[in-house]
Amino acid sequence: MNRHDTREKLVISVYQQLLLNKHLFDCALDNGLDADNDLAVAVLNSLMEKQEEYAEELNVLLNKWTFNRLGFMEQAILLVATAEIKETINDKAVVINEAITIAKKFCDEESYKYINGVLDRL
């Protein structure tokens, strides 16, 4: 599985966690992510430890908006990207580009612009 597919599966896993209030690792396993995937393990571990911290940090960056008012898919994309940036797993520009690509696929037509702006300020 390539890194893009891994990121998509991570976003879907976080989305399911937010939507269903299910344990994140269970969602990841349901989506085909396992312990052999270094990117997935790093992001999942980071989110398990710091998801609330990341949400609070993103909340500060949202102009005239709150994190909880965003759709679950936008929240998931921002959380996965934030974990990857904060843990310095990949270059920030690569992470933002991937987040934009995933947002264009799964979110409203204009959401990718908002996600780009928030992640750029991170």
PDB file of N, CA and C in Angstrom:
ATOM      1  N   MET A   1       0.849  -1.170   0.000  1.00  0.00           N
ATOM      2  CA  MET A   1       0.000   0.000   0.000  1.00  0.00           C
ATOM      3  C   MET A   1       0.903   1.244   0.000  1.00  0.00           C
ATOM      4  N   ASN A   2       0.641   2.186  -0.915  1.00  0.00           N
ATOM      5  CA  ASN A   2       1.460   3.391  -0.973  1.00  0.00           C
ATOM      6  C   ASN A   2       1.017   4.401   0.094  1.00  0.00           C
ATOM      7  N   ARG A   3       1.806   5.460   0.251  1.00  0.00           N
ATOM      8  CA  ARG A   3       1.542   6.442   1.310  1.00  0.00           C
ATOM      9  C   ARG A   3       0.209   7.162   1.114  1.00  0.00           C
ATOM     10  N   HIS A   4      -0.148   7.466  -0.118  1.00  0.00           N
ATOM     11  CA  HIS A   4      -1.427   8.135  -0.367  1.00  0.00           C
ATOM     12  C   HIS A   4      -2.590   7.252   0.089  1.00  0.00           C
ATOM     13  N   ASP A   5      -2.561   5.991  -0.293  1.00  0.00           N
ATOM     14  CA  ASP A   5      -3.623   5.070   0.133  1.00  0.00           C
ATOM     15  C   ASP A   5      -3.666   4.938   1.649  1.00  0.00           C
ATOM     16  N   THR A   6      -2.494   4.920   2.275  1.00  0.00           N
ATOM     17  CA  THR A   6      -2.428   4.847   3.733  1.00  0.00           C
ATOM     18  C   THR A   6      -3.078   6.075   4.356  1.00  0.00           C
ATOM     19  N   ARG A   7      -2.766   7.240   3.810  1.00  0.00           N
ATOM     20  CA  ARG A   7      -3.376   8.472   4.345  1.00  0.00           C
ATOM     21  C   ARG A   7      -4.892   8.459   4.179  1.00  0.00           C
ATOM     22  N   GLU A   8      -5.367   8.013   3.046  1.00  0.00           N
ATOM     23  CA  GLU A   8      -6.817   7.931   2.844  1.00  0.00           C
ATOM     24  C   GLU A   8      -7.450   7.004   3.878  1.00  0.00           C
ATOM     25  N   LYS A   9      -6.836   5.869   4.092  1.00  0.00           N
ATOM     26  CA  LYS A   9      -7.369   4.911   5.070  1.00  0.00           C
ATOM     27  C   LYS A   9      -7.293   5.471   6.489  1.00  0.00           C
ATOM     28  N   LEU A  10      -6.258   6.237   6.786  1.00  0.00           N
ATOM     29  CA  LEU A  10      -6.158   6.894   8.088  1.00  0.00           C
ATOM     30  C   LEU A  10      -7.280   7.905   8.275  1.00  0.00           C
ATOM     31  N   VAL A  11      -7.523   8.708   7.245  1.00  0.00           N
ATOM     32  CA  VAL A  11      -8.594   9.702   7.317  1.00  0.00           C
ATOM     33  C   VAL A  11      -9.939   9.012   7.503  1.00  0.00           C
ATOM     34  N   ILE A  12     -10.188   7.961   6.755  1.00  0.00           N
ATOM     35  CA  ILE A  12     -11.448   7.230   6.883  1.00  0.00           C
ATOM     36  C   ILE A  12     -11.571   6.613   8.271  1.00  0.00           C
ATOM     37  N   SER A  13     -10.478   6.123   8.810  1.00  0.00           N
ATOM     38  CA  SER A  13     -10.493   5.536  10.154  1.00  0.00           C
ATOM     39  C   SER A  13     -10.824   6.590  11.211  1.00  0.00           C
ATOM     40  N   VAL A  14     -10.210   7.760  11.105  1.00  0.00           N
ATOM     41  CA  VAL A  14     -10.495   8.837  12.060  1.00  0.00           C
ATOM     42  C   VAL A  14     -11.936   9.318  11.885  1.00  0.00           C
ATOM     43  N   TYR A  15     -12.376   9.417  10.646  1.00  0.00           N
ATOM     44  CA  TYR A  15     -13.770   9.792  10.372  1.00  0.00           C
ATOM     45  C   TYR A  15     -14.733   8.819  11.067  1.00  0.00           C
ATOM     46  N   GLN A  16     -14.475   7.537  10.934  1.00  0.00           N
ATOM     47  CA  GLN A  16     -15.325   6.539  11.576  1.00  0.00           C
ATOM     48  C   GLN A  16     -15.264   6.661  13.091  1.00  0.00           C
ATOM     49  N   GLN A  17     -14.087   6.920  13.619  1.00  0.00           N
ATOM     50  CA  GLN A  17     -13.952   7.096  15.064  1.00  0.00           C
ATOM     51  C   GLN A  17     -14.805   8.270  15.534  1.00  0.00           C
ATOM     52  N   LEU A  18     -14.733   9.386  14.821  1.00  0.00           N
ATOM     53  CA  LEU A  18     -15.497  10.570  15.196  1.00  0.00           C
ATOM     54  C   LEU A  18     -17.002  10.341  15.053  1.00  0.00           C
ATOM     55  N   LEU A  19     -17.384   9.680  13.987  1.00  0.00           N
ATOM     56  CA  LEU A  19     -18.791   9.461  13.692  1.00  0.00           C
ATOM     57  C   LEU A  19     -19.427   8.415  14.598  1.00  0.00           C
ATOM     58  N   LEU A  20     -18.717   7.324  14.803  1.00  0.00           N
ATOM     59  CA  LEU A  20     -19.283   6.180  15.524  1.00  0.00           C
ATOM     60  C   LEU A  20     -18.823   6.082  16.979  1.00  0.00           C
ATOM     61  N   ASN A  21     -17.889   6.966  17.360  1.00  0.00           N
ATOM     62  CA  ASN A  21     -17.318   6.921  18.710  1.00  0.00           C
ATOM     63  C   ASN A  21     -16.730   5.539  19.006  1.00  0.00           C
ATOM     64  N   LYS A  22     -16.047   5.023  18.008  1.00  0.00           N
ATOM     65  CA  LYS A  22     -15.426   3.705  18.072  1.00  0.00           C
ATOM     66  C   LYS A  22     -13.933   3.889  18.318  1.00  0.00           C
ATOM     67  N   HIS A  23     -13.283   2.908  18.905  1.00  0.00           N
ATOM     68  CA  HIS A  23     -11.849   2.995  19.171  1.00  0.00           C
ATOM     69  C   HIS A  23     -11.085   3.145  17.851  1.00  0.00           C
ATOM     70  N   LEU A  24     -10.116   4.052  17.851  1.00  0.00           N
ATOM     71  CA  LEU A  24      -9.382   4.376  16.625  1.00  0.00           C
ATOM     72  C   LEU A  24      -8.662   3.171  16.035  1.00  0.00           C
ATOM     73  N   PHE A  25      -8.032   2.347  16.865  1.00  0.00           N
ATOM     74  CA  PHE A  25      -7.316   1.188  16.337  1.00  0.00           C
ATOM     75  C   PHE A  25      -8.274   0.175  15.708  1.00  0.00           C
ATOM     76  N   ASP A  26      -9.464   0.026  16.264  1.00  0.00           N
ATOM     77  CA  ASP A  26     -10.459  -0.861  15.662  1.00  0.00           C
ATOM     78  C   ASP A  26     -10.870  -0.359  14.286  1.00  0.00           C
ATOM     79  N   CYS A  27     -11.055   0.942  14.179  1.00  0.00           N
ATOM     80  CA  CYS A  27     -11.399   1.537  12.880  1.00  0.00           C
ATOM     81  C   CYS A  27     -10.268   1.320  11.873  1.00  0.00           C
ATOM     82  N   ALA A  28      -9.036   1.484  12.334  1.00  0.00           N
ATOM     83  CA  ALA A  28      -7.886   1.292  11.451  1.00  0.00           C
ATOM     84  C   ALA A  28      -7.802  -0.150  10.956  1.00  0.00           C
ATOM     85  N   LEU A  29      -8.007  -1.078  11.855  1.00  0.00           N
ATOM     86  CA  LEU A  29      -7.991  -2.489  11.452  1.00  0.00           C
ATOM     87  C   LEU A  29      -9.120  -2.794  10.473  1.00  0.00           C
ATOM     88  N   ASP A  30     -10.297  -2.222  10.719  1.00  0.00           N
ATOM     89  CA  ASP A  30     -11.428  -2.409   9.810  1.00  0.00           C
ATOM     90  C   ASP A  30     -11.130  -1.892   8.406  1.00  0.00           C
ATOM     91  N   ASN A  31     -10.233  -0.911   8.312  1.00  0.00           N
ATOM     92  CA  ASN A  31      -9.898  -0.304   7.028  1.00  0.00           C
ATOM     93  C   ASN A  31      -8.618  -0.866   6.413  1.00  0.00           C
ATOM     94  N   GLY A  32      -8.108  -1.953   6.973  1.00  0.00           N
ATOM     95  CA  GLY A  32      -6.972  -2.633   6.364  1.00  0.00           C
ATOM     96  C   GLY A  32      -5.606  -2.107   6.764  1.00  0.00           C
ATOM     97  N   LEU A  33      -5.536  -1.290   7.793  1.00  0.00           N
ATOM     98  CA  LEU A  33      -4.245  -0.816   8.281  1.00  0.00           C
ATOM     99  C   LEU A  33      -3.753  -1.770   9.359  1.00  0.00           C
ATOM    100  N   ASP A  34      -2.452  -2.027   9.349  1.00  0.00           N
ATOM    101  CA  ASP A  34      -1.924  -2.956  10.346  1.00  0.00           C
ATOM    102  C   ASP A  34      -0.562  -2.486  10.861  1.00  0.00           C
ATOM    103  N   ALA A  35       0.010  -3.244  11.746  1.00  0.00           N
ATOM    104  CA  ALA A  35       1.266  -2.882  12.418  1.00  0.00           C
ATOM    105  C   ALA A  35       2.471  -2.879  11.483  1.00  0.00           C
ATOM    106  N   ASP A  36       2.333  -3.411  10.287  1.00  0.00           N
ATOM    107  CA  ASP A  36       3.437  -3.416   9.329  1.00  0.00           C
ATOM    108  C   ASP A  36       3.575  -2.089   8.589  1.00  0.00           C
ATOM    109  N   ASN A  37       2.602  -1.214   8.734  1.00  0.00           N
ATOM    110  CA  ASN A  37       2.596   0.058   8.024  1.00  0.00           C
ATOM    111  C   ASN A  37       3.137   1.149   8.958  1.00  0.00           C
ATOM    112  N   ASP A  38       4.384   1.556   8.731  1.00  0.00           N
ATOM    113  CA  ASP A  38       5.051   2.511   9.620  1.00  0.00           C
ATOM    114  C   ASP A  38       4.330   3.858   9.697  1.00  0.00           C
ATOM    115  N   LEU A  39       3.868   4.375   8.557  1.00  0.00           N
ATOM    116  CA  LEU A  39       3.157   5.651   8.546  1.00  0.00           C
ATOM    117  C   LEU A  39       1.880   5.551   9.371  1.00  0.00           C
ATOM    118  N   ALA A  40       1.121   4.503   9.155  1.00  0.00           N
ATOM    119  CA  ALA A  40      -0.132   4.324   9.881  1.00  0.00           C
ATOM    120  C   ALA A  40       0.110   4.212  11.380  1.00  0.00           C
ATOM    121  N   VAL A  41       1.091   3.439  11.776  1.00  0.00           N
ATOM    122  CA  VAL A  41       1.391   3.249  13.199  1.00  0.00           C
ATOM    123  C   VAL A  41       1.804   4.573  13.832  1.00  0.00           C
ATOM    124  N   ALA A  42       2.658   5.330  13.163  1.00  0.00           N
ATOM    125  CA  ALA A  42       3.123   6.607  13.709  1.00  0.00           C
ATOM    126  C   ALA A  42       1.972   7.595  13.886  1.00  0.00           C
ATOM    127  N   VAL A  43       1.123   7.719  12.871  1.00  0.00           N
ATOM    128  CA  VAL A  43       0.000   8.656  12.950  1.00  0.00           C
ATOM    129  C   VAL A  43      -1.016   8.190  13.991  1.00  0.00           C
ATOM    130  N   LEU A  44      -1.331   6.917  13.999  1.00  0.00           N
ATOM    131  CA  LEU A  44      -2.304   6.392  14.972  1.00  0.00           C
ATOM    132  C   LEU A  44      -1.811   6.577  16.402  1.00  0.00           C
ATOM    133  N   ASN A  45      -0.546   6.278  16.656  1.00  0.00           N
ATOM    134  CA  ASN A  45       0.001   6.469  17.997  1.00  0.00           C
ATOM    135  C   ASN A  45      -0.047   7.934  18.413  1.00  0.00           C
ATOM    136  N   SER A  46       0.287   8.814  17.496  1.00  0.00           N
ATOM    137  CA  SER A  46       0.244  10.239  17.780  1.00  0.00           C
ATOM    138  C   SER A  46      -1.183  10.691  18.105  1.00  0.00           C
ATOM    139  N   LEU A  47      -2.135  10.238  17.309  1.00  0.00           N
ATOM    140  CA  LEU A  47      -3.528  10.621  17.549  1.00  0.00           C
ATOM    141  C   LEU A  47      -4.070  10.028  18.843  1.00  0.00           C
ATOM    142  N   MET A  48      -3.655   8.821  19.176  1.00  0.00           N
ATOM    143  CA  MET A  48      -4.114   8.215  20.426  1.00  0.00           C
ATOM    144  C   MET A  48      -3.641   9.034  21.630  1.00  0.00           C
ATOM    145  N   GLU A  49      -2.457   9.590  21.539  1.00  0.00           N
ATOM    146  CA  GLU A  49      -1.904  10.361  22.648  1.00  0.00           C
ATOM    147  C   GLU A  49      -2.357  11.815  22.659  1.00  0.00           C
ATOM    148  N   LYS A  50      -2.517  12.422  21.470  1.00  0.00           N
ATOM    149  CA  LYS A  50      -2.647  13.881  21.407  1.00  0.00           C
ATOM    150  C   LYS A  50      -3.832  14.397  20.592  1.00  0.00           C
ATOM    151  N   GLN A  51      -4.816  13.587  20.320  1.00  0.00           N
ATOM    152  CA  GLN A  51      -5.923  14.026  19.464  1.00  0.00           C
ATOM    153  C   GLN A  51      -6.620  15.262  20.015  1.00  0.00           C
ATOM    154  N   GLU A  52      -6.890  15.292  21.311  1.00  0.00           N
ATOM    155  CA  GLU A  52      -7.545  16.451  21.920  1.00  0.00           C
ATOM    156  C   GLU A  52      -6.653  17.689  21.841  1.00  0.00           C
ATOM    157  N   GLU A  53      -5.372  17.501  22.061  1.00  0.00           N
ATOM    158  CA  GLU A  53      -4.413  18.602  21.975  1.00  0.00           C
ATOM    159  C   GLU A  53      -4.389  19.174  20.555  1.00  0.00           C
ATOM    160  N   TYR A  54      -4.373  18.298  19.570  1.00  0.00           N
ATOM    161  CA  TYR A  54      -4.388  18.748  18.172  1.00  0.00           C
ATOM    162  C   TYR A  54      -5.682  19.496  17.857  1.00  0.00           C
ATOM    163  N   ALA A  55      -6.807  18.991  18.331  1.00  0.00           N
ATOM    164  CA  ALA A  55      -8.093  19.647  18.083  1.00  0.00           C
ATOM    165  C   ALA A  55      -8.102  21.050  18.691  1.00  0.00           C
ATOM    166  N   GLU A  56      -7.545  21.194  19.885  1.00  0.00           N
ATOM    167  CA  GLU A  56      -7.475  22.516  20.528  1.00  0.00           C
ATOM    168  C   GLU A  56      -6.570  23.453  19.742  1.00  0.00           C
ATOM    169  N   GLU A  57      -5.449  22.945  19.269  1.00  0.00           N
ATOM    170  CA  GLU A  57      -4.536  23.768  18.488  1.00  0.00           C
ATOM    171  C   GLU A  57      -5.177  24.204  17.169  1.00  0.00           C
ATOM    172  N   LEU A  58      -5.880  23.289  16.526  1.00  0.00           N
ATOM    173  CA  LEU A  58      -6.584  23.631  15.285  1.00  0.00           C
ATOM    174  C   LEU A  58      -7.694  24.636  15.551  1.00  0.00           C
ATOM    175  N   ASN A  59      -8.344  24.507  16.678  1.00  0.00           N
ATOM    176  CA  ASN A  59      -9.428  25.419  17.051  1.00  0.00           C
ATOM    177  C   ASN A  59      -8.942  26.869  17.070  1.00  0.00           C
ATOM    178  N   VAL A  60      -7.719  27.081  17.544  1.00  0.00           N
ATOM    179  CA  VAL A  60      -7.135  28.414  17.599  1.00  0.00           C
ATOM    180  C   VAL A  60      -6.885  28.959  16.190  1.00  0.00           C
ATOM    181  N   LEU A  61      -6.562  28.071  15.260  1.00  0.00           N
ATOM    182  CA  LEU A  61      -6.225  28.488  13.896  1.00  0.00           C
ATOM    183  C   LEU A  61      -7.447  28.741  13.016  1.00  0.00           C
ATOM    184  N   LEU A  62      -8.602  28.298  13.447  1.00  0.00           N
ATOM    185  CA  LEU A  62      -9.816  28.449  12.639  1.00  0.00           C
ATOM    186  C   LEU A  62     -10.373  29.858  12.809  1.00  0.00           C
ATOM    187  N   ASN A  63     -10.435  30.594  11.734  1.00  0.00           N
ATOM    188  CA  ASN A  63     -10.940  31.962  11.776  1.00  0.00           C
ATOM    189  C   ASN A  63     -12.453  31.990  11.906  1.00  0.00           C
ATOM    190  N   LYS A  64     -12.927  32.588  13.005  1.00  0.00           N
ATOM    191  CA  LYS A  64     -14.368  32.762  13.225  1.00  0.00           C
ATOM    192  C   LYS A  64     -15.129  31.444  13.108  1.00  0.00           C
ATOM    193  N   TRP A  65     -14.525  30.370  13.535  1.00  0.00           N
ATOM    194  CA  TRP A  65     -15.107  29.033  13.434  1.00  0.00           C
ATOM    195  C   TRP A  65     -14.572  28.210  14.583  1.00  0.00           C
ATOM    196  N   THR A  66     -15.184  27.078  14.861  1.00  0.00           N
ATOM    197  CA  THR A  66     -14.644  26.177  15.870  1.00  0.00           C
ATOM    198  C   THR A  66     -14.454  24.796  15.253  1.00  0.00           C
ATOM    199  N   PHE A  67     -13.538  24.055  15.824  1.00  0.00           N
ATOM    200  CA  PHE A  67     -13.229  22.728  15.305  1.00  0.00           C
ATOM    201  C   PHE A  67     -14.467  21.836  15.300  1.00  0.00           C
ATOM    202  N   ASN A  68     -15.258  21.894  16.359  1.00  0.00           N
ATOM    203  CA  ASN A  68     -16.444  21.041  16.468  1.00  0.00           C
ATOM    204  C   ASN A  68     -17.523  21.364  15.452  1.00  0.00           C
ATOM    205  N   ARG A  69     -17.492  22.557  14.884  1.00  0.00           N
ATOM    206  CA  ARG A  69     -18.483  22.924  13.866  1.00  0.00           C
ATOM    207  C   ARG A  69     -18.133  22.391  12.479  1.00  0.00           C
ATOM    208  N   LEU A  70     -16.892  21.970  12.302  1.00  0.00           N
ATOM    209  CA  LEU A  70     -16.486  21.394  11.022  1.00  0.00           C
ATOM    210  C   LEU A  70     -17.129  20.025  10.848  1.00  0.00           C
ATOM    211  N   GLY A  71     -17.282  19.611   9.620  1.00  0.00           N
ATOM    212  CA  GLY A  71     -17.774  18.266   9.344  1.00  0.00           C
ATOM    213  C   GLY A  71     -16.758  17.237   9.809  1.00  0.00           C
ATOM    214  N   PHE A  72     -17.224  16.026  10.083  1.00  0.00           N
ATOM    215  CA  PHE A  72     -16.331  14.975  10.566  1.00  0.00           C
ATOM    216  C   PHE A  72     -15.215  14.668   9.576  1.00  0.00           C
ATOM    217  N   MET A  73     -15.488  14.741   8.281  1.00  0.00           N
ATOM    218  CA  MET A  73     -14.448  14.451   7.296  1.00  0.00           C
ATOM    219  C   MET A  73     -13.366  15.530   7.323  1.00  0.00           C
ATOM    220  N   GLU A  74     -13.768  16.793   7.420  1.00  0.00           N
ATOM    221  CA  GLU A  74     -12.785  17.871   7.519  1.00  0.00           C
ATOM    222  C   GLU A  74     -11.971  17.732   8.804  1.00  0.00           C
ATOM    223  N   GLN A  75     -12.633  17.388   9.899  1.00  0.00           N
ATOM    224  CA  GLN A  75     -11.929  17.167  11.161  1.00  0.00           C
ATOM    225  C   GLN A  75     -10.906  16.042  11.007  1.00  0.00           C
ATOM    226  N   ALA A  76     -11.326  14.967  10.384  1.00  0.00           N
ATOM    227  CA  ALA A  76     -10.436  13.806  10.219  1.00  0.00           C
ATOM    228  C   ALA A  76      -9.213  14.170   9.384  1.00  0.00           C
ATOM    229  N   ILE A  77      -9.416  14.875   8.295  1.00  0.00           N
ATOM    230  CA  ILE A  77      -8.299  15.274   7.429  1.00  0.00           C
ATOM    231  C   ILE A  77      -7.336  16.166   8.204  1.00  0.00           C
ATOM    232  N   LEU A  78      -7.874  17.139   8.924  1.00  0.00           N
ATOM    233  CA  LEU A  78      -7.028  18.047   9.689  1.00  0.00           C
ATOM    234  C   LEU A  78      -6.266  17.318  10.802  1.00  0.00           C
ATOM    235  N   LEU A  79      -6.919  16.385  11.468  1.00  0.00           N
ATOM    236  CA  LEU A  79      -6.254  15.652  12.545  1.00  0.00           C
ATOM    237  C   LEU A  79      -5.119  14.777  12.019  1.00  0.00           C
ATOM    238  N   VAL A  80      -5.363  14.056  10.950  1.00  0.00           N
ATOM    239  CA  VAL A  80      -4.325  13.195  10.379  1.00  0.00           C
ATOM    240  C   VAL A  80      -3.143  14.040   9.899  1.00  0.00           C
ATOM    241  N   ALA A  81      -3.434  15.119   9.196  1.00  0.00           N
ATOM    242  CA  ALA A  81      -2.360  15.986   8.698  1.00  0.00           C
ATOM    243  C   ALA A  81      -1.594  16.633   9.851  1.00  0.00           C
ATOM    244  N   THR A  82      -2.303  17.074  10.871  1.00  0.00           N
ATOM    245  CA  THR A  82      -1.649  17.696  12.022  1.00  0.00           C
ATOM    246  C   THR A  82      -0.723  16.709  12.720  1.00  0.00           C
ATOM    247  N   ALA A  83      -1.188  15.487  12.911  1.00  0.00           N
ATOM    248  CA  ALA A  83      -0.344  14.467  13.536  1.00  0.00           C
ATOM    249  C   ALA A  83       0.917  14.244  12.715  1.00  0.00           C
ATOM    250  N   GLU A  84       0.749  14.175  11.411  1.00  0.00           N
ATOM    251  CA  GLU A  84       1.902  13.921  10.542  1.00  0.00           C
ATOM    252  C   GLU A  84       2.884  15.093  10.557  1.00  0.00           C
ATOM    253  N   ILE A  85       2.363  16.308  10.595  1.00  0.00           N
ATOM    254  CA  ILE A  85       3.225  17.495  10.633  1.00  0.00           C
ATOM    255  C   ILE A  85       3.905  17.626  11.996  1.00  0.00           C
ATOM    256  N   LYS A  86       3.136  17.489  13.056  1.00  0.00           N
ATOM    257  CA  LYS A  86       3.675  17.670  14.407  1.00  0.00           C
ATOM    258  C   LYS A  86       4.717  16.618  14.763  1.00  0.00           C
ATOM    259  N   GLU A  87       4.521  15.421  14.303  1.00  0.00           N
ATOM    260  CA  GLU A  87       5.478  14.351  14.589  1.00  0.00           C
ATOM    261  C   GLU A  87       6.617  14.322  13.578  1.00  0.00           C
ATOM    262  N   THR A  88       6.620  15.281  12.656  1.00  0.00           N
ATOM    263  CA  THR A  88       7.632  15.413  11.612  1.00  0.00           C
ATOM    264  C   THR A  88       7.839  14.091  10.871  1.00  0.00           C
ATOM    265  N   ILE A  89       6.719  13.475  10.523  1.00  0.00           N
ATOM    266  CA  ILE A  89       6.769  12.205   9.804  1.00  0.00           C
ATOM    267  C   ILE A  89       7.126  12.444   8.341  1.00  0.00           C
ATOM    268  N   ASN A  90       6.563  13.493   7.778  1.00  0.00           N
ATOM    269  CA  ASN A  90       6.856  13.869   6.400  1.00  0.00           C
ATOM    270  C   ASN A  90       6.942  15.383   6.301  1.00  0.00           C
ATOM    271  N   ASP A  91       7.488  15.868   5.194  1.00  0.00           N
ATOM    272  CA  ASP A  91       7.601  17.294   4.934  1.00  0.00           C
ATOM    273  C   ASP A  91       6.227  17.947   4.936  1.00  0.00           C
ATOM    274  N   LYS A  92       6.130  19.115   5.538  1.00  0.00           N
ATOM    275  CA  LYS A  92       4.848  19.822   5.670  1.00  0.00           C
ATOM    276  C   LYS A  92       4.169  20.040   4.314  1.00  0.00           C
ATOM    277  N   ALA A  93       4.930  20.428   3.298  1.00  0.00           N
ATOM    278  CA  ALA A  93       4.347  20.683   1.975  1.00  0.00           C
ATOM    279  C   ALA A  93       3.714  19.422   1.394  1.00  0.00           C
ATOM    280  N   VAL A  94       4.358  18.286   1.591  1.00  0.00           N
ATOM    281  CA  VAL A  94       3.820  17.006   1.101  1.00  0.00           C
ATOM    282  C   VAL A  94       2.528  16.673   1.834  1.00  0.00           C
ATOM    283  N   VAL A  95       2.533  16.856   3.151  1.00  0.00           N
ATOM    284  CA  VAL A  95       1.353  16.550   3.961  1.00  0.00           C
ATOM    285  C   VAL A  95       0.173  17.437   3.559  1.00  0.00           C
ATOM    286  N   ILE A  96       0.428  18.719   3.377  1.00  0.00           N
ATOM    287  CA  ILE A  96      -0.648  19.638   2.979  1.00  0.00           C
ATOM    288  C   ILE A  96      -1.183  19.261   1.606  1.00  0.00           C
ATOM    289  N   ASN A  97      -0.297  18.955   0.669  1.00  0.00           N
ATOM    290  CA  ASN A  97      -0.733  18.552  -0.665  1.00  0.00           C
ATOM    291  C   ASN A  97      -1.616  17.308  -0.609  1.00  0.00           C
ATOM    292  N   GLU A  98      -1.232  16.339   0.191  1.00  0.00           N
ATOM    293  CA  GLU A  98      -2.024  15.115   0.339  1.00  0.00           C
ATOM    294  C   GLU A  98      -3.377  15.425   0.979  1.00  0.00           C
ATOM    295  N   ALA A  99      -3.381  16.297   1.991  1.00  0.00           N
ATOM    296  CA  ALA A  99      -4.638  16.665   2.650  1.00  0.00           C
ATOM    297  C   ALA A  99      -5.582  17.346   1.663  1.00  0.00           C
ATOM    298  N   ILE A 100      -5.048  18.200   0.814  1.00  0.00           N
ATOM    299  CA  ILE A 100      -5.856  18.880  -0.202  1.00  0.00           C
ATOM    300  C   ILE A 100      -6.434  17.858  -1.180  1.00  0.00           C
ATOM    301  N   THR A 101      -5.619  16.929  -1.629  1.00  0.00           N
ATOM    302  CA  THR A 101      -6.072  15.891  -2.562  1.00  0.00           C
ATOM    303  C   THR A 101      -7.195  15.063  -1.953  1.00  0.00           C
ATOM    304  N   ILE A 102      -7.047  14.681  -0.690  1.00  0.00           N
ATOM    305  CA  ILE A 102      -8.076  13.882  -0.017  1.00  0.00           C
ATOM    306  C   ILE A 102      -9.342  14.718   0.187  1.00  0.00           C
ATOM    307  N   ALA A 103      -9.179  15.992   0.534  1.00  0.00           N
ATOM    308  CA  ALA A 103     -10.346  16.870   0.710  1.00  0.00           C
ATOM    309  C   ALA A 103     -11.110  17.040  -0.600  1.00  0.00           C
ATOM    310  N   LYS A 104     -10.408  17.166  -1.696  1.00  0.00           N
ATOM    311  CA  LYS A 104     -11.074  17.285  -2.998  1.00  0.00           C
ATOM    312  C   LYS A 104     -11.879  16.035  -3.323  1.00  0.00           C
ATOM    313  N   LYS A 105     -11.422  14.900  -2.837  1.00  0.00           N
ATOM    314  CA  LYS A 105     -12.106  13.641  -3.108  1.00  0.00           C
ATOM    315  C   LYS A 105     -13.319  13.425  -2.194  1.00  0.00           C
ATOM    316  N   PHE A 106     -13.195  13.775  -0.907  1.00  0.00           N
ATOM    317  CA  PHE A 106     -14.213  13.400   0.064  1.00  0.00           C
ATOM    318  C   PHE A 106     -15.071  14.542   0.617  1.00  0.00           C
ATOM    319  N   CYS A 107     -14.665  15.786   0.416  1.00  0.00           N
ATOM    320  CA  CYS A 107     -15.361  16.909   1.061  1.00  0.00           C
ATOM    321  C   CYS A 107     -16.108  17.775   0.051  1.00  0.00           C
ATOM    322  N   ASP A 108     -16.748  18.801   0.587  1.00  0.00           N
ATOM    323  CA  ASP A 108     -17.429  19.774  -0.253  1.00  0.00           C
ATOM    324  C   ASP A 108     -16.433  20.430  -1.199  1.00  0.00           C
ATOM    325  N   GLU A 109     -16.965  21.029  -2.237  1.00  0.00           N
ATOM    326  CA  GLU A 109     -16.144  21.582  -3.307  1.00  0.00           C
ATOM    327  C   GLU A 109     -15.097  22.597  -2.831  1.00  0.00           C
ATOM    328  N   GLU A 110     -15.432  23.418  -1.834  1.00  0.00           N
ATOM    329  CA  GLU A 110     -14.530  24.479  -1.388  1.00  0.00           C
ATOM    330  C   GLU A 110     -13.735  24.127  -0.124  1.00  0.00           C
ATOM    331  N   SER A 111     -13.977  22.979   0.466  1.00  0.00           N
ATOM    332  CA  SER A 111     -13.337  22.621   1.739  1.00  0.00           C
ATOM    333  C   SER A 111     -11.819  22.562   1.648  1.00  0.00           C
ATOM    334  N   TYR A 112     -11.299  22.139   0.510  1.00  0.00           N
ATOM    335  CA  TYR A 112      -9.854  21.994   0.390  1.00  0.00           C
ATOM    336  C   TYR A 112      -9.132  23.324   0.596  1.00  0.00           C
ATOM    337  N   LYS A 113      -9.758  24.437   0.201  1.00  0.00           N
ATOM    338  CA  LYS A 113      -9.131  25.753   0.376  1.00  0.00           C
ATOM    339  C   LYS A 113      -9.001  26.088   1.860  1.00  0.00           C
ATOM    340  N   TYR A 114     -10.033  25.793   2.604  1.00  0.00           N
ATOM    341  CA  TYR A 114     -10.039  26.056   4.037  1.00  0.00           C
ATOM    342  C   TYR A 114      -9.001  25.180   4.738  1.00  0.00           C
ATOM    343  N   ILE A 115      -8.970  23.908   4.373  1.00  0.00           N
ATOM    344  CA  ILE A 115      -8.003  22.970   4.954  1.00  0.00           C
ATOM    345  C   ILE A 115      -6.574  23.422   4.637  1.00  0.00           C
ATOM    346  N   ASN A 116      -6.345  23.856   3.415  1.00  0.00           N
ATOM    347  CA  ASN A 116      -5.039  24.351   3.012  1.00  0.00           C
ATOM    348  C   ASN A 116      -4.625  25.538   3.882  1.00  0.00           C
ATOM    349  N   GLY A 117      -5.525  26.491   4.081  1.00  0.00           N
ATOM    350  CA  GLY A 117      -5.215  27.669   4.873  1.00  0.00           C
ATOM    351  C   GLY A 117      -4.903  27.351   6.327  1.00  0.00           C
ATOM    352  N   VAL A 118      -5.694  26.452   6.894  1.00  0.00           N
ATOM    353  CA  VAL A 118      -5.480  26.085   8.303  1.00  0.00           C
ATOM    354  C   VAL A 118      -4.143  25.372   8.471  1.00  0.00           C
ATOM    355  N   LEU A 119      -3.866  24.398   7.614  1.00  0.00           N
ATOM    356  CA  LEU A 119      -2.628  23.640   7.729  1.00  0.00           C
ATOM    357  C   LEU A 119      -1.402  24.508   7.436  1.00  0.00           C
ATOM    358  N   ASP A 120      -1.555  25.471   6.557  1.00  0.00           N
ATOM    359  CA  ASP A 120      -0.452  26.366   6.242  1.00  0.00           C
ATOM    360  C   ASP A 120      -0.064  27.209   7.467  1.00  0.00           C
ATOM    361  N   ARG A 121      -1.062  27.580   8.282  1.00  0.00           N
ATOM    362  CA  ARG A 121      -0.814  28.361   9.500  1.00  0.00           C
ATOM    363  C   ARG A 121      -0.306  27.518  10.654  1.00  0.00           C
ATOM    364  N   LEU A 122      -0.380  26.208  10.530  1.00  0.00           N
ATOM    365  CA  LEU A 122       0.029  25.307  11.610  1.00  0.00           C
ATOM    366  C   LEU A 122       1.528  25.367  11.847  1.00  0.00           C
TER     367      LEU A 122
END
